[in-house]
C-alpha atoms as a PDB file:
ATOM      1  CA  MET A   1     109.022 111.707 114.701  1.00  0.00           C
ATOM      2  CA  ARG A   2     108.802 114.036 117.691  1.00  0.00           C
ATOM      3  CA  LYS A   3     112.621 114.162 117.802  1.00  0.00           C
ATOM      4  CA  LEU A   4     112.880 114.852 114.065  1.00  0.00           C
ATOM      5  CA  ILE A   5     110.060 117.416 113.869  1.00  0.00           C
ATOM      6  CA  PRO A   6     109.235 118.719 117.376  1.00  0.00           C
ATOM      7  CA  ASP A   7     106.362 120.896 116.142  1.00  0.00           C
ATOM      8  CA  ALA A   8     104.540 117.876 114.739  1.00  0.00           C
ATOM      9  CA  VAL A   9     103.759 116.144 118.040  1.00  0.00           C
ATOM     10  CA  PRO A  10     103.120 118.148 121.243  1.00  0.00           C
ATOM     11  CA  GLY A  11     104.611 117.011 124.546  1.00  0.00           C
ATOM     12  CA  LYS A  12     107.943 115.711 125.735  1.00  0.00           C
ATOM     13  CA  ASN A  13     107.797 112.112 126.960  1.00  0.00           C
ATOM     14  CA  ALA A  14     106.355 108.618 126.486  1.00  0.00           C
ATOM     15  CA  VAL A  15     103.451 109.388 128.801  1.00  0.00           C
ATOM     16  CA  ASP A  16     101.962 112.489 127.187  1.00  0.00           C
ATOM     17  CA  ILE A  17     102.395 111.087 123.663  1.00  0.00           C
ATOM     18  CA  VAL A  18      99.666 108.480 124.244  1.00  0.00           C
ATOM     19  CA  LEU A  19      96.852 111.004 123.760  1.00  0.00           C
ATOM     20  CA  ALA A  20      98.815 113.582 121.733  1.00  0.00           C
ATOM     21  CA  ARG A  21      97.371 114.561 118.350  1.00  0.00           C
ATOM     22  CA  THR A  22      99.774 114.765 115.425  1.00  0.00           C
ATOM     23  CA  ARG A  23      99.922 118.136 113.642  1.00  0.00           C
ATOM     24  CA  PHE A  24     100.110 116.775 110.119  1.00  0.00           C
ATOM     25  CA  ALA A  25     100.568 120.206 108.554  1.00  0.00           C
ATOM     26  CA  ALA A  26     103.956 120.460 110.286  1.00  0.00           C
ATOM     27  CA  LEU A  27     105.413 117.331 108.690  1.00  0.00           C
ATOM     28  CA  ASP A  28     106.348 118.708 105.282  1.00  0.00           C
ATOM     29  CA  ARG A  29     107.319 122.347 105.807  1.00  0.00           C
ATOM     30  CA  LYS A  30     110.098 123.741 103.628  1.00  0.00           C
ATOM     31  CA  ASP A  31     112.052 125.082 106.617  1.00  0.00           C
ATOM     32  CA  ASN A  32     112.157 121.671 108.367  1.00  0.00           C
ATOM     33  CA  ASP A  33     115.526 119.936 108.630  1.00  0.00           C
ATOM     34  CA  THR A  34     113.542 116.721 108.135  1.00  0.00           C
ATOM     35  CA  ARG A  35     110.466 116.526 105.914  1.00  0.00           C
ATOM     36  CA  ILE A  36     107.954 113.692 105.954  1.00  0.00           C
ATOM     37  CA  ARG A  37     105.661 113.522 102.929  1.00  0.00           C
ATOM     38  CA  LEU A  38     102.579 111.329 103.343  1.00  0.00           C
ATOM     39  CA  ASN A  39     100.413 109.768 100.604  1.00  0.00           C
ATOM     40  CA  SER A  40     103.477 109.438  98.373  1.00  0.00           C
ATOM     41  CA  THR A  41     103.997 106.010  96.804  1.00  0.00           C
ATOM     42  CA  VAL A  42     107.441 105.595  95.221  1.00  0.00           C
ATOM     43  CA  VAL A  43     107.293 103.895  91.812  1.00  0.00           C
ATOM     44  CA  ARG A  44     110.867 104.291  90.513  1.00  0.00           C
ATOM     45  CA  VAL A  45     114.341 104.774  91.984  1.00  0.00           C
ATOM     46  CA  ALA A  46     117.442 105.092  89.783  1.00  0.00           C
ATOM     47  CA  HIS A  47     120.939 106.556  89.906  1.00  0.00           C
ATOM     48  CA  SER A  48     121.421 109.738  87.925  1.00  0.00           C
ATOM     49  CA  GLY A  49     124.769 111.489  87.832  1.00  0.00           C
ATOM     50  CA  ASP A  50     125.995 112.005  91.386  1.00  0.00           C
ATOM     51  CA  GLY A  51     122.608 111.377  92.992  1.00  0.00           C
ATOM     52  CA  VAL A  52     119.423 109.332  92.939  1.00  0.00           C
ATOM     53  CA  ASP A  53     116.202 110.212  91.096  1.00  0.00           C
ATOM     54  CA  ILE A  54     113.008 109.183  92.914  1.00  0.00           C
ATOM     55  CA  ALA A  55     109.608 109.216  91.194  1.00  0.00           C
ATOM     56  CA  TYR A  56     106.468 108.950  93.298  1.00  0.00           C
ATOM     57  CA  MET A  57     102.698 109.243  92.939  1.00  0.00           C
ATOM     58  CA  ARG A  58     100.915 111.815  95.092  1.00  0.00           C
ATOM     59  CA  HIS A  59      97.258 112.786  94.769  1.00  0.00           C
ATOM     60  CA  GLY A  60      97.085 111.192  91.335  1.00  0.00           C
ATOM     61  CA  HIS A  61     100.135 112.998  89.946  1.00  0.00           C
ATOM     62  CA  LEU A  62     103.640 111.718  89.212  1.00  0.00           C
ATOM     63  CA  GLN A  63     106.284 113.794  90.989  1.00  0.00           C
ATOM     64  CA  ASN A  64     110.073 113.619  91.214  1.00  0.00           C
ATOM     65  CA  VAL A  65     112.761 114.435  93.730  1.00  0.00           C
ATOM     66  CA  ARG A  66     116.564 114.255  93.459  1.00  0.00           C
ATOM     67  CA  ALA A  67     118.491 113.006  96.507  1.00  0.00           C
ATOM     68  CA  LYS A  68     122.158 112.530  97.274  1.00  0.00           C
ATOM     69  CA  ASN A  69     121.395 109.069  98.705  1.00  0.00           C
ATOM     70  CA  CYS A  70     118.344 106.836  99.169  1.00  0.00           C
ATOM     71  CA  VAL A  71     117.210 104.173 101.641  1.00  0.00           C
ATOM     72  CA  LEU A  72     114.658 101.682 100.329  1.00  0.00           C
ATOM     73  CA  SER A  73     112.888 100.518 103.477  1.00  0.00           C
ATOM     74  CA  CYS A  74     109.894  98.945 101.754  1.00  0.00           C
ATOM     75  CA  TRP A  75     108.807  95.337 101.391  1.00  0.00           C
ATOM     76  CA  HIS A  76     111.689  93.525  99.697  1.00  0.00           C
ATOM     77  CA  VAL A  77     109.590  91.764  97.062  1.00  0.00           C
ATOM     78  CA  MET A  78     108.577  95.165  95.647  1.00  0.00           C
ATOM     79  CA  ILE A  79     112.094  96.620  95.474  1.00  0.00           C
ATOM     80  CA  PRO A  80     113.080  94.952  92.148  1.00  0.00           C
ATOM     81  CA  TYR A  81     110.029  96.579  90.538  1.00  0.00           C
ATOM     82  CA  ILE A  82     110.952  99.979  91.973  1.00  0.00           C
ATOM     83  CA  CYS A  83     114.693  99.817  91.310  1.00  0.00           C
ATOM     84  CA  GLY A  84     115.204  97.901  88.082  1.00  0.00           C
ATOM     85  CA  GLU A  85     118.970  98.513  87.894  1.00  0.00           C
ATOM     86  CA  LEU A  86     119.798  96.196  90.807  1.00  0.00           C
ATOM     87  CA  PRO A  87     121.857  93.053  89.994  1.00  0.00           C
ATOM     88  CA  GLU A  88     119.763  89.995  89.100  1.00  0.00           C
ATOM     89  CA  GLN A  89     121.136  87.936  91.989  1.00  0.00           C
ATOM     90  CA  GLN A  90     120.083  90.638  94.432  1.00  0.00           C
ATOM     91  CA  LYS A  91     116.607  90.860  92.873  1.00  0.00           C
ATOM     92  CA  LYS A  92     116.207  87.099  93.294  1.00  0.00           C
ATOM     93  CA  ALA A  93     117.207  87.336  96.958  1.00  0.00           C
ATOM     94  CA  LEU A  94     114.786  90.203  97.529  1.00  0.00           C
ATOM     95  CA  SER A  95     111.927  88.169  96.044  1.00  0.00           C
ATOM     96  CA  PHE A  96     112.472  85.468  98.677  1.00  0.00           C
ATOM     97  CA  ALA A  97     110.811  87.615 101.373  1.00  0.00           C
ATOM     98  CA  VAL A  98     107.208  86.333 101.087  1.00  0.00           C
ATOM     99  CA  LYS A  99     105.476  88.055 103.986  1.00  0.00           C
ATOM    100  CA  VAL A 100     103.171  86.266 106.419  1.00  0.00           C
ATOM    101  CA  PRO A 101      99.459  87.190 106.076  1.00  0.00           C
ATOM    102  CA  LEU A 102      97.855  88.178 109.345  1.00  0.00           C
ATOM    103  CA  VAL A 103      94.546  89.479 110.696  1.00  0.00           C
ATOM    104  CA  TYR A 104      94.193  91.537 113.874  1.00  0.00           C
ATOM    105  CA  THR A 105      90.532  91.938 114.775  1.00  0.00           C
ATOM    106  CA  ASN A 106      89.365  94.323 117.490  1.00  0.00           C
ATOM    107  CA  VAL A 107      85.933  93.820 119.038  1.00  0.00           C
ATOM    108  CA  LEU A 108      84.564  96.558 121.285  1.00  0.00           C
ATOM    109  CA  LEU A 109      82.420  95.079 124.066  1.00  0.00           C
ATOM    110  CA  ARG A 110      79.990  97.046 126.195  1.00  0.00           C
ATOM    111  CA  ASN A 111      81.341  95.134 129.218  1.00  0.00           C
ATOM    112  CA  TRP A 112      83.553  92.145 130.056  1.00  0.00           C
ATOM    113  CA  ALA A 113      81.343  90.563 132.715  1.00  0.00           C
ATOM    114  CA  SER A 114      81.320  87.216 130.865  1.00  0.00           C
ATOM    115  CA  PHE A 115      85.134  87.013 131.001  1.00  0.00           C
ATOM    116  CA  GLU A 116      85.073  87.834 134.703  1.00  0.00           C
ATOM    117  CA  LYS A 117      82.382  85.214 135.419  1.00  0.00           C
ATOM    118  CA  LEU A 118      84.354  82.515 133.562  1.00  0.00           C
ATOM    119  CA  GLY A 119      87.615  83.550 135.225  1.00  0.00           C
ATOM    120  CA  VAL A 120      89.560  84.023 131.972  1.00  0.00           C
ATOM    121  CA  SER A 121      91.305  86.915 130.248  1.00  0.00           C
ATOM    122  CA  ALA A 122      92.476  85.091 127.115  1.00  0.00           C
ATOM    123  CA  VAL A 123      91.419  82.021 125.132  1.00  0.00           C
ATOM    124  CA  TYR A 124      93.521  80.016 122.661  1.00  0.00           C
ATOM    125  CA  SER A 125      91.463  78.011 120.155  1.00  0.00           C
ATOM    126  CA  PRO A 126      93.644  76.736 117.264  1.00  0.00           C
ATOM    127  CA  GLY A 127      90.721  75.071 115.461  1.00  0.00           C
ATOM    128  CA  SER A 128      88.554  78.185 115.297  1.00  0.00           C
ATOM    129  CA  PHE A 129      88.286  80.959 112.715  1.00  0.00           C
ATOM    130  CA  HIS A 130      90.372  83.185 115.009  1.00  0.00           C
ATOM    131  CA  SER A 131      93.036  81.251 116.890  1.00  0.00           C
ATOM    132  CA  GLU A 132      93.220  83.652 119.848  1.00  0.00           C
ATOM    133  CA  MET A 133      91.148  86.196 121.728  1.00  0.00           C
ATOM    134  CA  SER A 134      92.243  88.270 124.705  1.00  0.00           C
ATOM    135  CA  LEU A 135      91.132  91.262 126.733  1.00  0.00           C
ATOM    136  CA  ASP A 136      93.022  94.494 126.174  1.00  0.00           C
ATOM    137  CA  MET A 137      96.122  94.735 128.358  1.00  0.00           C
ATOM    138  CA  PRO A 138      95.319  96.643 131.578  1.00  0.00           C
ATOM    139  CA  VAL A 139      97.747  99.507 131.045  1.00  0.00           C
ATOM    140  CA  SER A 140      97.106 103.046 132.268  1.00  0.00           C
ATOM    141  CA  LEU A 141      99.523 105.723 131.085  1.00  0.00           C
ATOM    142  CA  GLY A 142      99.182 109.413 131.808  1.00  0.00           C
ATOM    143  CA  GLU A 143      95.703 110.611 130.964  1.00  0.00           C
ATOM    144  CA  TYR A 144      94.836 107.289 129.339  1.00  0.00           C
ATOM    145  CA  GLN A 145      93.114 104.946 131.789  1.00  0.00           C
ATOM    146  CA  CYS A 146      92.380 101.299 131.119  1.00  0.00           C
ATOM    147  CA  SER A 147      89.119  99.464 131.787  1.00  0.00           C
ATOM    148  CA  ARG A 148      89.041  98.375 135.452  1.00  0.00           C
ATOM    149  CA  ARG A 149      85.531  97.107 136.244  1.00  0.00           C
ATOM    150  CA  PRO A 150      83.705  94.232 134.476  1.00  0.00           C
ATOM    151  CA  SER A 151      80.899  96.688 133.765  1.00  0.00           C
ATOM    152  CA  ASP A 152      83.297  98.937 131.789  1.00  0.00           C
ATOM    153  CA  SER A 153      83.593  98.731 128.014  1.00  0.00           C
ATOM    154  CA  ILE A 154      86.735  97.057 126.677  1.00  0.00           C
ATOM    155  CA  VAL A 155      88.434  95.972 123.445  1.00  0.00           C
ATOM    156  CA  VAL A 156      88.960  92.265 122.778  1.00  0.00           C
ATOM    157  CA  HIS A 157      91.882  91.482 120.487  1.00  0.00           C
ATOM    158  CA  MET A 158      91.485  88.492 118.141  1.00  0.00           C
ATOM    159  CA  GLN A 159      94.095  87.012 115.810  1.00  0.00           C
ATOM    160  CA  ARG A 160      93.800  84.962 112.626  1.00  0.00           C
ATOM    161  CA  VAL A 161      96.653  83.607 110.502  1.00  0.00           C
ATOM    162  CA  PRO A 162      95.190  82.219 107.257  1.00  0.00           C
ATOM    163  CA  THR A 163      97.154  79.208 106.034  1.00  0.00           C
ATOM    164  CA  HIS A 164      96.777  76.125 103.846  1.00  0.00           C
ATOM    165  CA  ALA A 165      97.830  72.882 105.539  1.00  0.00           C
ATOM    166  CA  GLY A 166     100.382  70.687 103.797  1.00  0.00           C
ATOM    167  CA  LEU A 167     102.242  73.351 101.827  1.00  0.00           C
ATOM    168  CA  PRO A 168     105.736  74.747 102.480  1.00  0.00           C
ATOM    169  CA  SER A 169     105.559  77.888 104.587  1.00  0.00           C
ATOM    170  CA  ARG A 170     106.090  80.444 101.806  1.00  0.00           C
ATOM    171  CA  GLU A 171     103.391  78.750  99.690  1.00  0.00           C
ATOM    172  CA  GLN A 172     101.084  78.793 102.715  1.00  0.00           C
ATOM    173  CA  HIS A 173     101.621  82.532 102.954  1.00  0.00           C
ATOM    174  CA  ARG A 174     100.593  83.011  99.334  1.00  0.00           C
ATOM    175  CA  ALA A 175      97.516  80.806  99.827  1.00  0.00           C
ATOM    176  CA  GLY A 176      96.603  82.723 102.979  1.00  0.00           C
ATOM    177  CA  ARG A 177      96.882  86.008 101.127  1.00  0.00           C
ATOM    178  CA  LEU A 178      94.401  84.769  98.533  1.00  0.00           C
ATOM    179  CA  ASP A 179      92.103  83.715 101.368  1.00  0.00           C
ATOM    180  CA  LEU A 180      92.178  87.238 102.793  1.00  0.00           C
ATOM    181  CA  TYR A 181      91.399  88.837  99.437  1.00  0.00           C
ATOM    182  CA  ASN A 182      88.386  86.570  98.971  1.00  0.00           C
ATOM    183  CA  THR A 183      86.894  86.710 102.484  1.00  0.00           C
ATOM    184  CA  THR A 184      84.128  89.279 102.980  1.00  0.00           C
ATOM    185  CA  PHE A 185      83.633  91.347 106.109  1.00  0.00           C
ATOM    186  CA  GLU A 186      80.281  89.589 106.556  1.00  0.00           C
ATOM    187  CA  THR A 187      82.136  86.262 106.851  1.00  0.00           C
ATOM    188  CA  PHE A 188      84.439  87.732 109.467  1.00  0.00           C
ATOM    189  CA  GLU A 189      81.542  89.188 111.433  1.00  0.00           C
ATOM    190  CA  ARG A 190      79.530  85.970 111.360  1.00  0.00           C
ATOM    191  CA  ASN A 191      82.501  83.930 112.577  1.00  0.00           C
ATOM    192  CA  ILE A 192      83.407  86.465 115.266  1.00  0.00           C
ATOM    193  CA  ARG A 193      79.893  86.480 116.702  1.00  0.00           C
ATOM    194  CA  ASP A 194      79.636  82.686 116.552  1.00  0.00           C
ATOM    195  CA  GLN A 195      83.045  82.051 118.111  1.00  0.00           C
ATOM    196  CA  MET A 196      82.566  84.528 120.947  1.00  0.00           C
ATOM    197  CA  ALA A 197      79.067  83.211 121.676  1.00  0.00           C
ATOM    198  CA  ARG A 198      80.311  79.605 121.892  1.00  0.00           C
ATOM    199  CA  THR A 199      83.363  80.559 123.945  1.00  0.00           C
ATOM    200  CA  LEU A 200      81.749  82.998 126.374  1.00  0.00           C
ATOM    201  CA  GLY A 201      78.094  81.938 126.336  1.00  0.00           C
ATOM    202  CA  ALA A 202      78.361  80.098 129.647  1.00  0.00           C
ATOM    203  CA  GLY A 203      79.390  83.412 131.196  1.00  0.00           C
ATOM    204  CA  GLY A 204      76.239  85.129 129.940  1.00  0.00           C
ATOM    205  CA  PHE A 205      77.717  86.623 126.776  1.00  0.00           C
ATOM    206  CA  ASP A 206      75.203  87.686 124.098  1.00  0.00           C
ATOM    207  CA  PRO A 207      76.829  88.935 120.857  1.00  0.00           C
ATOM    208  CA  ALA A 208      73.723  90.889 119.809  1.00  0.00           C
ATOM    209  CA  ARG A 209      73.704  92.750 123.103  1.00  0.00           C
ATOM    210  CA  ASP A 210      77.363  92.924 124.101  1.00  0.00           C
ATOM    211  CA  ILE A 211      79.227  93.699 120.850  1.00  0.00           C
ATOM    212  CA  ALA A 212      79.321  97.434 120.112  1.00  0.00           C
ATOM    213  CA  ALA A 213      81.742  97.503 117.153  1.00  0.00           C
ATOM    214  CA  ILE A 214      84.107  95.352 115.093  1.00  0.00           C
ATOM    215  CA  THR A 215      87.263  96.386 113.246  1.00  0.00           C
ATOM    216  CA  VAL A 216      89.046  93.858 111.015  1.00  0.00           C
ATOM    217  CA  ASN A 217      92.636  94.791 110.153  1.00  0.00           C
ATOM    218  CA  ARG A 218      93.857  92.605 107.283  1.00  0.00           C
ATOM    219  CA  TRP A 219      97.562  92.402 106.515  1.00  0.00           C
ATOM    220  CA  PRO A 220      97.910  90.353 103.312  1.00  0.00           C
ATOM    221  CA  HIS A 221     101.616  91.257 103.484  1.00  0.00           C
ATOM    222  CA  GLY A 222     102.052  91.258 107.250  1.00  0.00           C
ATOM    223  CA  TYR A 223     105.085  89.947 109.112  1.00  0.00           C
ATOM    224  CA  ALA A 224     108.538  89.482 107.601  1.00  0.00           C
ATOM    225  CA  TYR A 225     109.334  85.916 106.576  1.00  0.00           C
ATOM    226  CA  GLU A 226     111.495  84.159 109.175  1.00  0.00           C
ATOM    227  CA  TYR A 227     113.566  81.228 107.977  1.00  0.00           C
ATOM    228  CA  ASN A 228     112.341  77.701 108.704  1.00  0.00           C
ATOM    229  CA  SER A 229     114.687  74.728 108.903  1.00  0.00           C
ATOM    230  CA  LEU A 230     111.976  72.493 107.401  1.00  0.00           C
ATOM    231  CA  TRP A 231     112.067  74.326 104.071  1.00  0.00           C
ATOM    232  CA  ASP A 232     115.175  76.540 104.060  1.00  0.00           C
ATOM    233  CA  GLY A 233     118.243  74.309 103.794  1.00  0.00           C
ATOM    234  CA  PHE A 234     120.730  77.161 104.215  1.00  0.00           C
ATOM    235  CA  TRP A 235     119.395  77.738 107.743  1.00  0.00           C
ATOM    236  CA  LEU A 236     121.000  74.455 108.859  1.00  0.00           C
ATOM    237  CA  ASP A 237     123.733  74.062 106.254  1.00  0.00           C
ATOM    238  CA  GLY A 238     125.278  77.467 106.869  1.00  0.00           C
ATOM    239  CA  GLY A 239     124.783  78.889 103.379  1.00  0.00           C
ATOM    240  CA  GLU A 240     124.343  82.618 102.837  1.00  0.00           C
ATOM    241  CA  GLN A 241     120.921  83.811 103.877  1.00  0.00           C
ATOM    242  CA  PRO A 242     118.842  85.530 101.160  1.00  0.00           C
ATOM    243  CA  CYS A 243     118.333  88.567 103.399  1.00  0.00           C
ATOM    244  CA  VAL A 244     122.112  89.146 103.515  1.00  0.00           C
ATOM    245  CA  THR A 245     122.353  89.125  99.720  1.00  0.00           C
ATOM    246  CA  ALA A 246     119.193  91.231  99.447  1.00  0.00           C
ATOM    247  CA  ARG A 247     120.355  94.055 101.727  1.00  0.00           C
ATOM    248  CA  GLN A 248     123.703  94.765 100.050  1.00  0.00           C
ATOM    249  CA  PRO A 249     124.212  98.468  99.231  1.00  0.00           C
ATOM    250  CA  PHE A 250     124.079  99.390  95.566  1.00  0.00           C
ATOM    251  CA  GLY A 251     125.797 102.631  94.722  1.00  0.00           C
ATOM    252  CA  ARG A 252     124.003 105.404  96.585  1.00  0.00           C
ATOM    253  CA  ILE A 253     121.068 103.123  97.459  1.00  0.00           C
ATOM    254  CA  THR A 254     120.859 101.093 100.661  1.00  0.00           C
ATOM    255  CA  ILE A 255     118.135  98.695 101.796  1.00  0.00           C
ATOM    256  CA  ALA A 256     116.404  98.387 105.172  1.00  0.00           C
ATOM    257  CA  ASN A 257     113.069  96.995 106.521  1.00  0.00           C
ATOM    258  CA  SER A 258     112.673  94.033 108.907  1.00  0.00           C
ATOM    259  CA  ASP A 259     112.847  91.842 105.772  1.00  0.00           C
ATOM    260  CA  ALA A 260     116.553  92.696 105.672  1.00  0.00           C
ATOM    261  CA  GLY A 261     116.982  90.815 108.949  1.00  0.00           C
ATOM    262  CA  ALA A 262     114.399  88.091 108.234  1.00  0.00           C
ATOM    263  CA  TYR A 263     112.902  88.903 111.621  1.00  0.00           C
ATOM    264  CA  ALA A 264     109.445  90.394 111.931  1.00  0.00           C
ATOM    265  CA  TYR A 265     109.769  92.758 114.869  1.00  0.00           C
ATOM    266  CA  THR A 266     110.486  96.394 115.644  1.00  0.00           C
ATOM    267  CA  ASP A 267     113.990  95.812 116.993  1.00  0.00           C
ATOM    268  CA  SER A 268     114.966  94.204 113.679  1.00  0.00           C
ATOM    269  CA  ALA A 269     113.554  97.129 111.701  1.00  0.00           C
ATOM    270  CA  ILE A 270     115.535  99.559 113.881  1.00  0.00           C
ATOM    271  CA  ASP A 271     118.732  97.522 113.549  1.00  0.00           C
ATOM    272  CA  GLN A 272     118.391  97.347 109.768  1.00  0.00           C
ATOM    273  CA  ALA A 273     117.645 101.072 109.505  1.00  0.00           C
ATOM    274  CA  HIS A 274     120.763 101.842 111.562  1.00  0.00           C
ATOM    275  CA  ARG A 275     122.859  99.585 109.329  1.00  0.00           C
ATOM    276  CA  ALA A 276     121.502 101.158 106.127  1.00  0.00           C
ATOM    277  CA  ILE A 277     122.188 104.712 107.319  1.00  0.00           C
ATOM    278  CA  THR A 278     125.669 103.717 108.524  1.00  0.00           C
ATOM    279  CA  GLU A 279     126.439 102.366 105.053  1.00  0.00           C
ATOM    280  CA  LEU A 280     125.533 105.721 103.543  1.00  0.00           C
ATOM    281  CA  LEU A 281     127.591 107.658 106.086  1.00  0.00           C
ATOM    282  CA  HIS A 282     130.629 105.543 105.226  1.00  0.00           C
ATOM    283  CA  ARG A 283     130.307 106.798 101.660  1.00  0.00           C
ATOM    284  CA  VAL A 284     130.894 110.378 102.771  1.00  0.00           C
END
């Protein structure tokens, strides 16, 4: 974003950006070569004449914009609802991308003396409410300095992947999503305090004393679905992958997102974005 709109983010490198504050007012100025409009949920995309009409909701009002071309880089399952003119086979392929539900929980501790006393920095516990907990990575960058002494405050990262044993993976993802919708914050908090007390109690940990704050980040539609040879026959048989069918360009519309590569990481999202833009440039 700094490269696209230099005024939006002060500084010049990967060090000073850590504590830089985004100037949101600079994102959507009329004189920008690139404009980024936040709080704008696209609800319809359709070809019209020699361009693409895009309707979106912003601050409770339906607005429209006409573009020469369009990249749909959203979750693939939603694309058929946004762009109804796509071929049926492509819509079916897009609907295959059932995302993995995921929970990243951050627990702010007043100190990490219990970890130091037990001689651990991370704990893997597959049978617990959260399957993992680990101290924040000790990275200092520019003006940002990490926690160095056991008496310093620190963030503990915890991870939960809600599933339902015995189901195929995509069905487990749907069941896990329902689990997330129905689980209250109180349930999360109770399990966090209990799990940390049982894990770190021998090191002197007291959840009532040592926990300063809890943030639960729920991703009902989290990571892109990655193919599994147990359930996806084409992965072994060599048939066409749904993501390849799903990402085909359609007129002036191209499709990106990590779903388009069936790989849930940043490098995939970048690769798919590059491909989608290249497809549009080849139209020129």
